[in-house]
Amino acid sequence: MPALNSIDRRLLTRLPPFSPVAVKLLSVLADERAPFKEIARLIALDPVLAGEVLRLANSGLYGRWLRVSSLLEAIARLGTGRLSQVAITAALWRGLPRKTAPFVREWWRHSIAAALLAQQCGLEIPTDHAYTAALLHGIGQLALFEDAPHDYPNLVERAYAERLDLL
C-alpha cells in the first residue's frame, strides 16, 4: 500500500470526527448476537442518539399504537440494521462542520437521498450496508470543501456550468 502524501494527510484531517460512542456502537451492532442490553447501554451514553432512537421508534413510520419509552423497547422495534443507520447518520451529522453553508446543506441532502435510494434498490448486499456506503460515498467532497471552503464550491459550480465531467 502506498504511503500517504502531505495532501492526503491534510485532507484526512479535514474529515469530521466520529463520536467514539458511535464507533463502539457500530462495532457491537456488527455482531448479530449482540445483547440488546449492551446496545442500550452504549446508546444511553449519547443522549442525542438516545433521543433520535426513541423518536424514530415512536414515529408513524413504525405505526405502533403503544408508545415506546425505553431504549430496549426501541431497539426491539427498530432492529439492529436500522440502528446502524441511525447511529452512522447521527454521528456524521453531528461531526459536519459549517452545517449552514449552502455547499454542506446540498452535500448532506444528496448524501441522505443516495442512502435512502440505495436502501430501496434491492441490491444483493444487506440494506444497512448499502445505506452506509451511499451515505458516505461523497465524503471526499466534504474534505475538499473544508480544505478550500471558497474555492471548491466555485470549482464545482464552474464544472457543472461548463458541463465538465467530474469523474
Foldseek 3Di string as FASTA:
>chain_A
DDDDDPVRVLLVVLFFDFDPLLVVLLVLLVDVPRDLVVNQVSCVVPVVLLVVLQPVLQDCVLPDPDRDDGSSVSCVSQDSLVSNLSSVLVRRVVRQPPCVPPVNVVLQVQLQVQLVCQLPPPDPDHSSVSSVCSNCVVSSLSSVCSVPVVPSVVVVVVCVVVVHDPD
